[in-house]
Protein backbone atom coordinates (compact mmCIF):
# COMPACT_ATOMS: atom_id res chain seq x y z
CA UNK A 1 0.00 0.00 0.00
CA UNK A 2 1.35 3.45 -0.89
CA UNK A 3 0.36 6.70 0.82
CA UNK A 4 1.79 10.14 0.06
CA UNK A 5 4.63 8.46 -1.86
CA UNK A 6 5.64 6.22 1.08
CA UNK A 7 5.07 2.48 1.18
CA UNK A 8 3.17 0.89 4.09
CA UNK A 9 2.55 -2.71 5.00
CA UNK A 10 -0.83 -3.95 6.18
CA UNK A 11 -1.15 -7.27 7.98
CA UNK A 12 -2.87 -9.05 10.85
CA UNK A 13 -1.01 -9.91 14.03
CA UNK A 14 -1.41 -13.25 15.83
CA UNK A 15 -4.60 -12.02 17.54
CA UNK A 16 -6.25 -11.04 14.25
CA UNK A 17 -5.79 -7.31 14.81
CA UNK A 18 -5.06 -5.41 11.60
CA UNK A 19 -1.83 -3.46 11.78
CA UNK A 20 -0.25 -0.89 9.48
CA UNK A 21 3.43 -0.08 9.49
CA UNK A 22 5.38 2.46 7.49
CA UNK A 23 8.23 0.93 5.53
CA UNK A 24 9.78 4.44 5.40
CA UNK A 25 10.70 4.34 1.74
CA UNK A 26 9.33 5.45 -1.59
CA UNK A 27 11.34 2.85 -3.54
CA UNK A 28 9.27 -0.20 -4.47
CA UNK A 29 12.20 -2.67 -4.40
CA UNK A 30 13.38 -1.49 -0.96
CA UNK A 31 9.78 -1.64 0.30
CA UNK A 32 9.47 -5.25 -0.93
CA UNK A 33 12.71 -6.20 0.86
CA UNK A 34 11.55 -4.52 4.09
CA UNK A 35 8.17 -6.25 3.80
CA UNK A 36 9.88 -9.65 3.43
CA UNK A 37 11.96 -8.87 6.54
CA UNK A 38 8.82 -7.83 8.44
CA UNK A 39 7.02 -11.05 7.45
CA UNK A 40 10.00 -13.08 8.68
CA UNK A 41 9.96 -11.25 12.02
CA UNK A 42 6.21 -11.84 12.35
CA UNK A 43 6.70 -15.56 11.70
CA UNK A 44 9.48 -15.70 14.29
CA UNK A 45 7.33 -13.65 16.67
CA UNK A 46 10.12 -11.13 17.25
CA UNK A 47 7.91 -8.06 17.35
CA UNK A 48 7.07 -8.33 21.01
CA UNK A 49 3.47 -9.42 20.59
CA UNK A 50 4.07 -12.89 21.95
CA UNK A 51 3.28 -12.91 25.64
CA UNK A 52 3.69 -16.69 25.90
CA UNK A 53 7.51 -16.61 25.96
CA UNK A 54 7.99 -18.83 29.01
CA UNK A 55 11.15 -19.02 31.01
CA UNK A 56 12.78 -22.42 30.87
CA UNK A 57 12.64 -22.76 34.67
CA UNK A 58 8.90 -22.01 34.76
CA UNK A 59 8.11 -24.52 32.03
CA UNK A 60 10.45 -27.13 33.56
CA UNK A 61 8.51 -26.96 36.84
CA UNK A 62 5.23 -27.23 34.92
CA UNK A 63 6.50 -30.22 32.92
CA UNK A 64 7.82 -32.07 35.98
CA UNK A 65 4.49 -31.54 37.75
CA UNK A 66 2.77 -33.12 34.75
CA UNK A 67 5.28 -36.03 34.85
CA UNK A 68 4.53 -36.75 38.51
CA UNK A 69 1.12 -38.10 37.49
CA UNK A 70 2.34 -39.91 34.39
CA UNK A 71 5.57 -41.65 35.45
CA UNK A 72 7.14 -43.61 38.28
CA UNK A 73 9.32 -41.87 40.87
CA UNK A 74 12.52 -43.26 39.27
CA UNK A 75 11.52 -42.06 35.79
CA UNK A 76 10.65 -38.66 37.22
CA UNK A 77 14.08 -38.40 38.90
CA UNK A 78 15.81 -39.38 35.66
CA UNK A 79 13.85 -36.83 33.59
CA UNK A 80 14.51 -34.10 36.15
CA UNK A 81 18.25 -34.84 36.16
CA UNK A 82 18.46 -34.93 32.35
CA UNK A 83 16.50 -31.70 31.85
CA UNK A 84 18.31 -29.81 34.62
CA UNK A 85 21.67 -30.93 33.17
CA UNK A 86 20.58 -29.68 29.74
CA UNK A 87 19.52 -26.28 31.10
CA UNK A 88 22.73 -25.93 33.14
CA UNK A 89 24.97 -26.97 30.22
CA UNK A 90 23.29 -24.66 27.68
CA UNK A 91 22.71 -21.70 30.06
CA UNK A 92 19.43 -20.78 28.38
CA UNK A 93 16.80 -18.63 30.09
CA UNK A 94 13.81 -18.85 27.74
CA UNK A 95 12.14 -21.85 26.14
CA UNK A 96 12.32 -20.23 22.70
CA UNK A 97 16.13 -20.05 22.91
CA UNK A 98 16.37 -23.79 22.31
CA UNK A 99 17.52 -24.41 18.73
CA UNK A 100 18.53 -27.52 16.79
CA UNK A 101 22.15 -26.29 16.79
CA UNK A 102 22.08 -25.91 20.57
CA UNK A 103 20.74 -29.45 20.97
CA UNK A 104 23.33 -30.88 18.55
CA UNK A 105 26.08 -29.08 20.45
CA UNK A 106 24.81 -30.47 23.76
CA UNK A 107 24.57 -33.96 22.23
CA UNK A 108 28.19 -33.81 21.02
CA UNK A 109 29.51 -32.60 24.40
CA UNK A 110 27.47 -35.20 26.26
CA UNK A 111 28.74 -38.01 23.98
CA UNK A 112 32.29 -37.26 25.11
CA UNK A 113 31.49 -38.21 28.71
CA UNK A 114 28.87 -40.96 28.60
CA UNK A 115 27.82 -43.93 26.48
CA UNK A 116 25.82 -43.41 23.30
CA UNK A 117 22.79 -45.13 24.81
CA UNK A 118 22.75 -42.51 27.60
CA UNK A 119 22.92 -39.66 25.09
CA UNK A 120 20.05 -41.22 23.14
CA UNK A 121 17.94 -41.43 26.31
CA UNK A 122 18.70 -37.76 27.03
CA UNK A 123 17.60 -36.77 23.51
CA UNK A 124 14.39 -38.81 23.88
CA UNK A 125 13.56 -37.01 27.15
CA UNK A 126 14.34 -33.64 25.57
CA UNK A 127 12.11 -34.42 22.57
CA UNK A 128 9.21 -35.36 24.88
CA UNK A 129 9.77 -32.18 26.91
CA UNK A 130 9.66 -30.02 23.77
CA UNK A 131 6.74 -31.93 22.20
CA UNK A 132 4.66 -31.07 25.25
CA UNK A 133 5.71 -27.41 24.93
CA UNK A 134 4.47 -27.43 21.32
CA UNK A 135 1.22 -29.12 22.38
CA UNK A 136 0.63 -26.42 25.02
CA UNK A 137 1.40 -23.62 22.54
CA UNK A 138 4.63 -22.42 24.16
CA UNK A 139 6.55 -23.27 20.97
CA UNK A 140 5.42 -23.34 17.35
CA UNK A 141 7.60 -26.34 16.49
CA UNK A 142 9.90 -28.81 18.22
CA UNK A 143 13.55 -27.84 17.66
CA UNK A 144 14.57 -31.43 18.52
CA UNK A 145 12.26 -32.92 15.91
CA UNK A 146 15.01 -33.75 13.39
CA UNK A 147 17.79 -34.55 15.86
CA UNK A 148 19.12 -38.01 15.05
CA UNK A 149 20.03 -40.61 17.63
CA UNK A 150 23.63 -41.70 17.92
CA UNK A 151 24.37 -45.07 16.38
CA UNK A 152 24.85 -47.66 19.09
CA UNK A 153 26.94 -50.81 18.81
CA UNK A 154 24.79 -53.81 18.11
CA UNK A 155 25.38 -56.73 20.42
CA UNK A 156 24.92 -60.16 18.91
CA UNK A 157 22.48 -62.22 20.88
CA UNK A 158 24.05 -65.41 22.19
CA UNK A 159 21.90 -68.48 22.45
CA UNK A 160 22.43 -71.25 24.96
CA UNK A 161 23.18 -74.66 23.58
CA UNK A 162 21.24 -77.70 24.75
CA UNK A 163 24.24 -78.72 26.87
CA UNK A 164 24.41 -75.32 28.59
CA UNK A 165 20.72 -75.46 29.35
CA UNK A 166 21.11 -78.88 31.00
CA UNK A 167 23.80 -77.56 33.38
Foldseek 3Di string as FASTA:
>chain_A
DDDPLWDKDWDAAPVRDIDIGTLPDNDPVSSVVSVVVVVVCRVLVVPPPDPLFAWPVVLLVVVLVVVVVVDDPVVSVVLNVLSVVLCVVLVGTTPSVDALVSLVVVLVVVVVPDPLVVSQVSLVSLQVSQVVCCVVPSDVDRRSPPPDRDDHDDDDDDDDDPVRVVD
